[in-house]
């Protein structure tokens, strides 16, 4: 059930992101913030190959490829990082 909720949220925010007007701050400031969030996530998940676009991590992820508790933690951390970047805080 959790995974379905997570996928639903990801799709909803992907659509919202596609139609969103330009957000707060300059492009450079948003990129610096996004780099910082990705760096924090990389520090929390050192064994993962995250890449620049976190949404792609969720798209490429194969459900059931990790033990359940690790899978839930991984998906929550990546999704929270995506939300932080979108919100800009």
PDB file of N, CA and C in Angstrom:
ATOM      1  N   UNK A   1       0.816  -1.189   0.000  1.00  0.00           N
ATOM      2  CA  UNK A   1       0.000   0.000   0.000  1.00  0.00           C
ATOM      3  C   UNK A   1       0.864   1.259   0.000  1.00  0.00           C
ATOM      4  N   UNK A   2       1.936   1.219   0.809  1.00  0.00           N
ATOM      5  CA  UNK A   2       2.827   2.381   0.871  1.00  0.00           C
ATOM      6  C   UNK A   2       3.432   2.684  -0.493  1.00  0.00           C
ATOM      7  N   UNK A   3       3.843   1.642  -1.177  1.00  0.00           N
ATOM      8  CA  UNK A   3       4.493   1.824  -2.482  1.00  0.00           C
ATOM      9  C   UNK A   3       3.507   2.435  -3.473  1.00  0.00           C
ATOM     10  N   UNK A   4       2.265   2.008  -3.448  1.00  0.00           N
ATOM     11  CA  UNK A   4       1.266   2.581  -4.350  1.00  0.00           C
ATOM     12  C   UNK A   4       1.048   4.058  -4.053  1.00  0.00           C
ATOM     13  N   UNK A   5       0.999   4.418  -2.765  1.00  0.00           N
ATOM     14  CA  UNK A   5       0.851   5.821  -2.389  1.00  0.00           C
ATOM     15  C   UNK A   5       2.039   6.631  -2.877  1.00  0.00           C
ATOM     16  N   UNK A   6       3.234   6.071  -2.742  1.00  0.00           N
ATOM     17  CA  UNK A   6       4.445   6.748  -3.169  1.00  0.00           C
ATOM     18  C   UNK A   6       4.459   6.960  -4.675  1.00  0.00           C
ATOM     19  N   UNK A   7       4.066   5.938  -5.424  1.00  0.00           N
ATOM     20  CA  UNK A   7       4.014   6.054  -6.889  1.00  0.00           C
ATOM     21  C   UNK A   7       2.964   7.090  -7.288  1.00  0.00           C
ATOM     22  N   UNK A   8       1.824   7.079  -6.620  1.00  0.00           N
ATOM     23  CA  UNK A   8       0.770   8.058  -6.911  1.00  0.00           C
ATOM     24  C   UNK A   8       1.278   9.475  -6.673  1.00  0.00           C
ATOM     25  N   UNK A   9       1.954   9.698  -5.544  1.00  0.00           N
ATOM     26  CA  UNK A   9       2.514  11.019  -5.254  1.00  0.00           C
ATOM     27  C   UNK A   9       3.531  11.428  -6.310  1.00  0.00           C
ATOM     28  N   UNK A  10       4.372  10.476  -6.708  1.00  0.00           N
ATOM     29  CA  UNK A  10       5.401  10.778  -7.711  1.00  0.00           C
ATOM     30  C   UNK A  10       4.747  11.215  -9.023  1.00  0.00           C
ATOM     31  N   UNK A  11       3.723  10.514  -9.448  1.00  0.00           N
ATOM     32  CA  UNK A  11       3.040  10.875 -10.685  1.00  0.00           C
ATOM     33  C   UNK A  11       2.361  12.235 -10.560  1.00  0.00           C
ATOM     34  N   UNK A  12       1.711  12.472  -9.435  1.00  0.00           N
ATOM     35  CA  UNK A  12       1.015  13.733  -9.218  1.00  0.00           C
ATOM     36  C   UNK A  12       1.989  14.906  -9.264  1.00  0.00           C
ATOM     37  N   UNK A  13       3.125  14.756  -8.583  1.00  0.00           N
ATOM     38  CA  UNK A  13       4.105  15.842  -8.572  1.00  0.00           C
ATOM     39  C   UNK A  13       4.817  15.980  -9.910  1.00  0.00           C
ATOM     40  N   UNK A  14       4.961  14.901 -10.654  1.00  0.00           N
ATOM     41  CA  UNK A  14       5.567  14.997 -11.980  1.00  0.00           C
ATOM     42  C   UNK A  14       4.681  15.810 -12.919  1.00  0.00           C
ATOM     43  N   UNK A  15       3.392  15.570 -12.861  1.00  0.00           N
ATOM     44  CA  UNK A  15       2.453  16.331 -13.687  1.00  0.00           C
ATOM     45  C   UNK A  15       2.437  17.781 -13.247  1.00  0.00           C
ATOM     46  N   UNK A  16       2.398  17.996 -11.946  1.00  0.00           N
ATOM     47  CA  UNK A  16       2.391  19.360 -11.420  1.00  0.00           C
ATOM     48  C   UNK A  16       3.661  20.102 -11.823  1.00  0.00           C
ATOM     49  N   UNK A  17       4.797  19.409 -11.762  1.00  0.00           N
ATOM     50  CA  UNK A  17       6.075  20.011 -12.127  1.00  0.00           C
ATOM     51  C   UNK A  17       6.085  20.390 -13.604  1.00  0.00           C
ATOM     52  N   UNK A  18       5.453  19.585 -14.447  1.00  0.00           N
ATOM     53  CA  UNK A  18       5.452  19.852 -15.884  1.00  0.00           C
ATOM     54  C   UNK A  18       4.681  21.131 -16.223  1.00  0.00           C
ATOM     55  N   UNK A  19       3.650  21.436 -15.438  1.00  0.00           N
ATOM     56  CA  UNK A  19       2.819  22.601 -15.726  1.00  0.00           C
ATOM     57  C   UNK A  19       3.068  23.765 -14.780  1.00  0.00           C
ATOM     58  N   UNK A  20       4.060  23.646 -13.944  1.00  0.00           N
ATOM     59  CA  UNK A  20       4.351  24.674 -12.944  1.00  0.00           C
ATOM     60  C   UNK A  20       5.002  25.895 -13.591  1.00  0.00           C
ATOM     61  N   UNK A  21       4.636  27.055 -13.071  1.00  0.00           N
ATOM     62  CA  UNK A  21       5.305  28.283 -13.499  1.00  0.00           C
ATOM     63  C   UNK A  21       6.659  28.361 -12.832  1.00  0.00           C
ATOM     64  N   UNK A  22       7.493  29.271 -13.287  1.00  0.00           N
ATOM     65  CA  UNK A  22       8.827  29.382 -12.701  1.00  0.00           C
ATOM     66  C   UNK A  22       8.696  29.664 -11.208  1.00  0.00           C
ATOM     67  N   UNK A  23       9.532  28.995 -10.425  1.00  0.00           N
ATOM     68  CA  UNK A  23       9.448  29.046  -8.971  1.00  0.00           C
ATOM     69  C   UNK A  23      10.214  30.189  -8.367  1.00  0.00           C
ATOM     70  N   UNK A  24      10.494  30.047  -7.073  1.00  0.00           N
ATOM     71  CA  UNK A  24      11.178  31.078  -6.311  1.00  0.00           C
ATOM     72  C   UNK A  24      12.651  31.155  -6.682  1.00  0.00           C
ATOM     73  N   UNK A  25      13.203  32.359  -6.553  1.00  0.00           N
ATOM     74  CA  UNK A  25      14.637  32.529  -6.700  1.00  0.00           C
ATOM     75  C   UNK A  25      15.119  32.395  -8.134  1.00  0.00           C
ATOM     76  N   UNK A  26      16.400  32.593  -8.269  1.00  0.00           N
ATOM     77  CA  UNK A  26      16.998  32.484  -9.592  1.00  0.00           C
ATOM     78  C   UNK A  26      17.283  31.027  -9.916  1.00  0.00           C
ATOM     79  N   UNK A  27      17.541  30.783 -11.167  1.00  0.00           N
ATOM     80  CA  UNK A  27      17.851  29.424 -11.606  1.00  0.00           C
ATOM     81  C   UNK A  27      19.123  28.937 -10.925  1.00  0.00           C
ATOM     82  N   UNK A  28      20.124  29.795 -10.825  1.00  0.00           N
ATOM     83  CA  UNK A  28      21.393  29.409 -10.193  1.00  0.00           C
ATOM     84  C   UNK A  28      21.192  29.050  -8.722  1.00  0.00           C
ATOM     85  N   UNK A  29      20.395  29.814  -8.011  1.00  0.00           N
ATOM     86  CA  UNK A  29      20.149  29.536  -6.593  1.00  0.00           C
ATOM     87  C   UNK A  29      19.407  28.209  -6.425  1.00  0.00           C
ATOM     88  N   UNK A  30      18.458  27.948  -7.316  1.00  0.00           N
ATOM     89  CA  UNK A  30      17.725  26.678  -7.232  1.00  0.00           C
ATOM     90  C   UNK A  30      18.643  25.499  -7.522  1.00  0.00           C
ATOM     91  N   UNK A  31      19.552  25.665  -8.482  1.00  0.00           N
ATOM     92  CA  UNK A  31      20.487  24.583  -8.800  1.00  0.00           C
ATOM     93  C   UNK A  31      21.455  24.317  -7.653  1.00  0.00           C
ATOM     94  N   UNK A  32      21.913  25.381  -6.994  1.00  0.00           N
ATOM     95  CA  UNK A  32      22.806  25.213  -5.840  1.00  0.00           C
ATOM     96  C   UNK A  32      22.082  24.467  -4.732  1.00  0.00           C
ATOM     97  N   UNK A  33      20.835  24.844  -4.477  1.00  0.00           N
ATOM     98  CA  UNK A  33      20.048  24.158  -3.447  1.00  0.00           C
ATOM     99  C   UNK A  33      19.820  22.700  -3.825  1.00  0.00           C
ATOM    100  N   UNK A  34      19.480  22.443  -5.089  1.00  0.00           N
ATOM    101  CA  UNK A  34      19.246  21.064  -5.543  1.00  0.00           C
ATOM    102  C   UNK A  34      20.516  20.235  -5.410  1.00  0.00           C
ATOM    103  N   UNK A  35      21.668  20.815  -5.728  1.00  0.00           N
ATOM    104  CA  UNK A  35      22.939  20.101  -5.564  1.00  0.00           C
ATOM    105  C   UNK A  35      23.195  19.768  -4.100  1.00  0.00           C
ATOM    106  N   UNK A  36      22.858  20.698  -3.214  1.00  0.00           N
ATOM    107  CA  UNK A  36      23.049  20.453  -1.778  1.00  0.00           C
ATOM    108  C   UNK A  36      22.157  19.311  -1.296  1.00  0.00           C
ATOM    109  N   UNK A  37      20.902  19.303  -1.730  1.00  0.00           N
ATOM    110  CA  UNK A  37      19.970  18.238  -1.326  1.00  0.00           C
ATOM    111  C   UNK A  37      20.444  16.889  -1.865  1.00  0.00           C
ATOM    112  N   UNK A  38      20.879  16.860  -3.128  1.00  0.00           N
ATOM    113  CA  UNK A  38      21.393  15.611  -3.700  1.00  0.00           C
ATOM    114  C   UNK A  38      22.639  15.143  -2.968  1.00  0.00           C
ATOM    115  N   UNK A  39      23.490  16.079  -2.536  1.00  0.00           N
ATOM    116  CA  UNK A  39      24.682  15.729  -1.759  1.00  0.00           C
ATOM    117  C   UNK A  39      24.327  15.121  -0.419  1.00  0.00           C
ATOM    118  N   UNK A  40      23.322  15.693   0.246  1.00  0.00           N
ATOM    119  CA  UNK A  40      22.867  15.141   1.528  1.00  0.00           C
ATOM    120  C   UNK A  40      22.309  13.733   1.340  1.00  0.00           C
ATOM    121  N   UNK A  41      21.552  13.544   0.273  1.00  0.00           N
ATOM    122  CA  UNK A  41      20.982  12.231   0.003  1.00  0.00           C
ATOM    123  C   UNK A  41      22.075  11.214  -0.315  1.00  0.00           C
ATOM    124  N   UNK A  42      23.075  11.634  -1.074  1.00  0.00           N
ATOM    125  CA  UNK A  42      24.190  10.742  -1.387  1.00  0.00           C
ATOM    126  C   UNK A  42      24.948  10.336  -0.129  1.00  0.00           C
ATOM    127  N   UNK A  43      25.045  11.249   0.836  1.00  0.00           N
ATOM    128  CA  UNK A  43      25.711  10.926   2.098  1.00  0.00           C
ATOM    129  C   UNK A  43      24.896   9.909   2.900  1.00  0.00           C
ATOM    130  N   UNK A  44      23.568   9.992   2.805  1.00  0.00           N
ATOM    131  CA  UNK A  44      22.705   9.049   3.523  1.00  0.00           C
ATOM    132  C   UNK A  44      22.641   7.689   2.829  1.00  0.00           C
ATOM    133  N   UNK A  45      22.811   7.682   1.516  1.00  0.00           N
ATOM    134  CA  UNK A  45      22.737   6.448   0.726  1.00  0.00           C
ATOM    135  C   UNK A  45      24.029   6.276  -0.068  1.00  0.00           C
ATOM    136  N   UNK A  46      25.146   5.989   0.590  1.00  0.00           N
ATOM    137  CA  UNK A  46      26.437   5.970  -0.117  1.00  0.00           C
ATOM    138  C   UNK A  46      26.570   4.869  -1.164  1.00  0.00           C
ATOM    139  N   UNK A  47      25.848   3.767  -1.034  1.00  0.00           N
ATOM    140  CA  UNK A  47      25.993   2.666  -1.998  1.00  0.00           C
ATOM    141  C   UNK A  47      25.149   2.843  -3.250  1.00  0.00           C
ATOM    142  N   UNK A  48      24.285   3.830  -3.275  1.00  0.00           N
ATOM    143  CA  UNK A  48      23.362   4.002  -4.394  1.00  0.00           C
ATOM    144  C   UNK A  48      23.944   4.916  -5.456  1.00  0.00           C
ATOM    145  N   UNK A  49      23.627   4.621  -6.715  1.00  0.00           N
ATOM    146  CA  UNK A  49      23.997   5.472  -7.839  1.00  0.00           C
ATOM    147  C   UNK A  49      22.790   6.350  -8.141  1.00  0.00           C
ATOM    148  N   UNK A  50      22.796   7.574  -7.609  1.00  0.00           N
ATOM    149  CA  UNK A  50      21.614   8.424  -7.688  1.00  0.00           C
ATOM    150  C   UNK A  50      21.527   9.237  -8.974  1.00  0.00           C
ATOM    151  N   UNK A  51      22.609   9.781  -9.456  1.00  0.00           N
ATOM    152  CA  UNK A  51      22.572  10.600 -10.658  1.00  0.00           C
ATOM    153  C   UNK A  51      22.050  11.994 -10.370  1.00  0.00           C
ATOM    154  N   UNK A  52      21.882  12.788 -11.412  1.00  0.00           N
ATOM    155  CA  UNK A  52      21.452  14.178 -11.250  1.00  0.00           C
ATOM    156  C   UNK A  52      19.936  14.311 -11.107  1.00  0.00           C
ATOM    157  N   UNK A  53      19.179  13.501 -11.777  1.00  0.00           N
ATOM    158  CA  UNK A  53      17.718  13.601 -11.734  1.00  0.00           C
ATOM    159  C   UNK A  53      17.164  12.521 -10.822  1.00  0.00           C
ATOM    160  N   UNK A  54      16.657  12.934  -9.655  1.00  0.00           N
ATOM    161  CA  UNK A  54      16.182  11.964  -8.673  1.00  0.00           C
ATOM    162  C   UNK A  54      14.908  11.251  -9.138  1.00  0.00           C
ATOM    163  N   UNK A  55      14.114  11.902  -9.953  1.00  0.00           N
ATOM    164  CA  UNK A  55      12.920  11.250 -10.487  1.00  0.00           C
ATOM    165  C   UNK A  55      13.273  10.020 -11.307  1.00  0.00           C
ATOM    166  N   UNK A  56      14.408  10.073 -11.981  1.00  0.00           N
ATOM    167  CA  UNK A  56      14.868   8.918 -12.755  1.00  0.00           C
ATOM    168  C   UNK A  56      15.216   7.748 -11.844  1.00  0.00           C
ATOM    169  N   UNK A  57      15.702   8.044 -10.629  1.00  0.00           N
ATOM    170  CA  UNK A  57      16.011   6.971  -9.670  1.00  0.00           C
ATOM    171  C   UNK A  57      14.755   6.175  -9.350  1.00  0.00           C
ATOM    172  N   UNK A  58      13.648   6.890  -9.154  1.00  0.00           N
ATOM    173  CA  UNK A  58      12.390   6.199  -8.859  1.00  0.00           C
ATOM    174  C   UNK A  58      11.884   5.437 -10.076  1.00  0.00           C
ATOM    175  N   UNK A  59      12.075   6.001 -11.260  1.00  0.00           N
ATOM    176  CA  UNK A  59      11.632   5.328 -12.479  1.00  0.00           C
ATOM    177  C   UNK A  59      12.424   4.048 -12.732  1.00  0.00           C
ATOM    178  N   UNK A  60      13.727   4.082 -12.455  1.00  0.00           N
ATOM    179  CA  UNK A  60      14.591   2.930 -12.704  1.00  0.00           C
ATOM    180  C   UNK A  60      14.521   1.887 -11.591  1.00  0.00           C
ATOM    181  N   UNK A  61      14.000   2.264 -10.430  1.00  0.00           N
ATOM    182  CA  UNK A  61      14.010   1.356  -9.289  1.00  0.00           C
ATOM    183  C   UNK A  61      13.092   0.164  -9.532  1.00  0.00           C
ATOM    184  N   UNK A  62      13.565  -1.024  -9.204  1.00  0.00           N
ATOM    185  CA  UNK A  62      12.789  -2.252  -9.366  1.00  0.00           C
ATOM    186  C   UNK A  62      12.259  -2.647  -7.984  1.00  0.00           C
ATOM    187  N   UNK A  63      10.929  -2.643  -7.854  1.00  0.00           N
ATOM    188  CA  UNK A  63      10.328  -3.004  -6.567  1.00  0.00           C
ATOM    189  C   UNK A  63      10.695  -4.431  -6.198  1.00  0.00           C
ATOM    190  N   UNK A  64      11.038  -4.628  -4.934  1.00  0.00           N
ATOM    191  CA  UNK A  64      11.404  -5.949  -4.449  1.00  0.00           C
ATOM    192  C   UNK A  64      12.878  -6.268  -4.602  1.00  0.00           C
ATOM    193  N   UNK A  65      13.676  -5.322  -5.078  1.00  0.00           N
ATOM    194  CA  UNK A  65      15.102  -5.587  -5.270  1.00  0.00           C
ATOM    195  C   UNK A  65      15.907  -5.434  -3.987  1.00  0.00           C
ATOM    196  N   UNK A  66      15.271  -4.940  -2.942  1.00  0.00           N
ATOM    197  CA  UNK A  66      15.923  -4.790  -1.630  1.00  0.00           C
ATOM    198  C   UNK A  66      15.004  -5.409  -0.583  1.00  0.00           C
ATOM    199  N   UNK A  67      15.550  -5.688   0.604  1.00  0.00           N
ATOM    200  CA  UNK A  67      14.658  -6.102   1.696  1.00  0.00           C
ATOM    201  C   UNK A  67      13.619  -5.006   1.952  1.00  0.00           C
ATOM    202  N   UNK A  68      12.460  -5.398   2.405  1.00  0.00           N
ATOM    203  CA  UNK A  68      11.327  -4.476   2.516  1.00  0.00           C
ATOM    204  C   UNK A  68      11.632  -3.221   3.328  1.00  0.00           C
ATOM    205  N   UNK A  69      12.281  -3.376   4.490  1.00  0.00           N
ATOM    206  CA  UNK A  69      12.545  -2.202   5.325  1.00  0.00           C
ATOM    207  C   UNK A  69      13.534  -1.256   4.636  1.00  0.00           C
ATOM    208  N   UNK A  70      14.532  -1.780   3.936  1.00  0.00           N
ATOM    209  CA  UNK A  70      15.475  -0.932   3.208  1.00  0.00           C
ATOM    210  C   UNK A  70      14.796  -0.265   2.020  1.00  0.00           C
ATOM    211  N   UNK A  71      13.901  -0.993   1.375  1.00  0.00           N
ATOM    212  CA  UNK A  71      13.187  -0.458   0.224  1.00  0.00           C
ATOM    213  C   UNK A  71      12.332   0.740   0.625  1.00  0.00           C
ATOM    214  N   UNK A  72      11.611   0.601   1.725  1.00  0.00           N
ATOM    215  CA  UNK A  72      10.756   1.693   2.198  1.00  0.00           C
ATOM    216  C   UNK A  72      11.598   2.902   2.562  1.00  0.00           C
ATOM    217  N   UNK A  73      12.703   2.683   3.259  1.00  0.00           N
ATOM    218  CA  UNK A  73      13.573   3.790   3.645  1.00  0.00           C
ATOM    219  C   UNK A  73      14.149   4.483   2.410  1.00  0.00           C
ATOM    220  N   UNK A  74      14.625   3.707   1.452  1.00  0.00           N
ATOM    221  CA  UNK A  74      15.198   4.264   0.222  1.00  0.00           C
ATOM    222  C   UNK A  74      14.167   5.120  -0.512  1.00  0.00           C
ATOM    223  N   UNK A  75      12.973   4.570  -0.719  1.00  0.00           N
ATOM    224  CA  UNK A  75      11.942   5.298  -1.459  1.00  0.00           C
ATOM    225  C   UNK A  75      11.514   6.564  -0.726  1.00  0.00           C
ATOM    226  N   UNK A  76      11.399   6.502   0.597  1.00  0.00           N
ATOM    227  CA  UNK A  76      11.026   7.688   1.373  1.00  0.00           C
ATOM    228  C   UNK A  76      12.097   8.773   1.280  1.00  0.00           C
ATOM    229  N   UNK A  77      13.363   8.391   1.401  1.00  0.00           N
ATOM    230  CA  UNK A  77      14.448   9.374   1.344  1.00  0.00           C
ATOM    231  C   UNK A  77      14.515  10.054  -0.019  1.00  0.00           C
ATOM    232  N   UNK A  78      14.403   9.271  -1.083  1.00  0.00           N
ATOM    233  CA  UNK A  78      14.457   9.853  -2.427  1.00  0.00           C
ATOM    234  C   UNK A  78      13.254  10.755  -2.665  1.00  0.00           C
ATOM    235  N   UNK A  79      12.074  10.310  -2.267  1.00  0.00           N
ATOM    236  CA  UNK A  79      10.870  11.115  -2.477  1.00  0.00           C
ATOM    237  C   UNK A  79      10.931  12.411  -1.675  1.00  0.00           C
ATOM    238  N   UNK A  80      11.396  12.353  -0.441  1.00  0.00           N
ATOM    239  CA  UNK A  80      11.518  13.555   0.381  1.00  0.00           C
ATOM    240  C   UNK A  80      12.521  14.528  -0.239  1.00  0.00           C
ATOM    241  N   UNK A  81      13.617  14.028  -0.783  1.00  0.00           N
ATOM    242  CA  UNK A  81      14.591  14.892  -1.443  1.00  0.00           C
ATOM    243  C   UNK A  81      13.961  15.576  -2.667  1.00  0.00           C
ATOM    244  N   UNK A  82      13.168  14.848  -3.414  1.00  0.00           N
ATOM    245  CA  UNK A  82      12.484  15.427  -4.574  1.00  0.00           C
ATOM    246  C   UNK A  82      11.541  16.539  -4.124  1.00  0.00           C
ATOM    247  N   UNK A  83      10.773  16.299  -3.064  1.00  0.00           N
ATOM    248  CA  UNK A  83       9.856  17.322  -2.553  1.00  0.00           C
ATOM    249  C   UNK A  83      10.613  18.550  -2.075  1.00  0.00           C
ATOM    250  N   UNK A  84      11.728  18.351  -1.386  1.00  0.00           N
ATOM    251  CA  UNK A  84      12.517  19.483  -0.904  1.00  0.00           C
ATOM    252  C   UNK A  84      13.023  20.326  -2.054  1.00  0.00           C
ATOM    253  N   UNK A  85      13.480  19.685  -3.113  1.00  0.00           N
ATOM    254  CA  UNK A  85      13.970  20.427  -4.270  1.00  0.00           C
ATOM    255  C   UNK A  85      12.824  21.197  -4.937  1.00  0.00           C
ATOM    256  N   UNK A  86      11.662  20.560  -5.060  1.00  0.00           N
ATOM    257  CA  UNK A  86      10.505  21.223  -5.681  1.00  0.00           C
ATOM    258  C   UNK A  86      10.028  22.413  -4.855  1.00  0.00           C
ATOM    259  N   UNK A  87      10.008  22.255  -3.536  1.00  0.00           N
ATOM    260  CA  UNK A  87       9.558  23.333  -2.660  1.00  0.00           C
ATOM    261  C   UNK A  87      10.598  24.427  -2.528  1.00  0.00           C
ATOM    262  N   UNK A  88      11.855  24.078  -2.704  1.00  0.00           N
ATOM    263  CA  UNK A  88      12.923  25.052  -2.569  1.00  0.00           C
ATOM    264  C   UNK A  88      13.318  25.323  -1.134  1.00  0.00           C
ATOM    265  N   UNK A  89      13.024  24.374  -0.223  1.00  0.00           N
ATOM    266  CA  UNK A  89      13.427  24.523   1.176  1.00  0.00           C
ATOM    267  C   UNK A  89      13.884  23.209   1.722  1.00  0.00           C
TER     268      UNK A  89
END
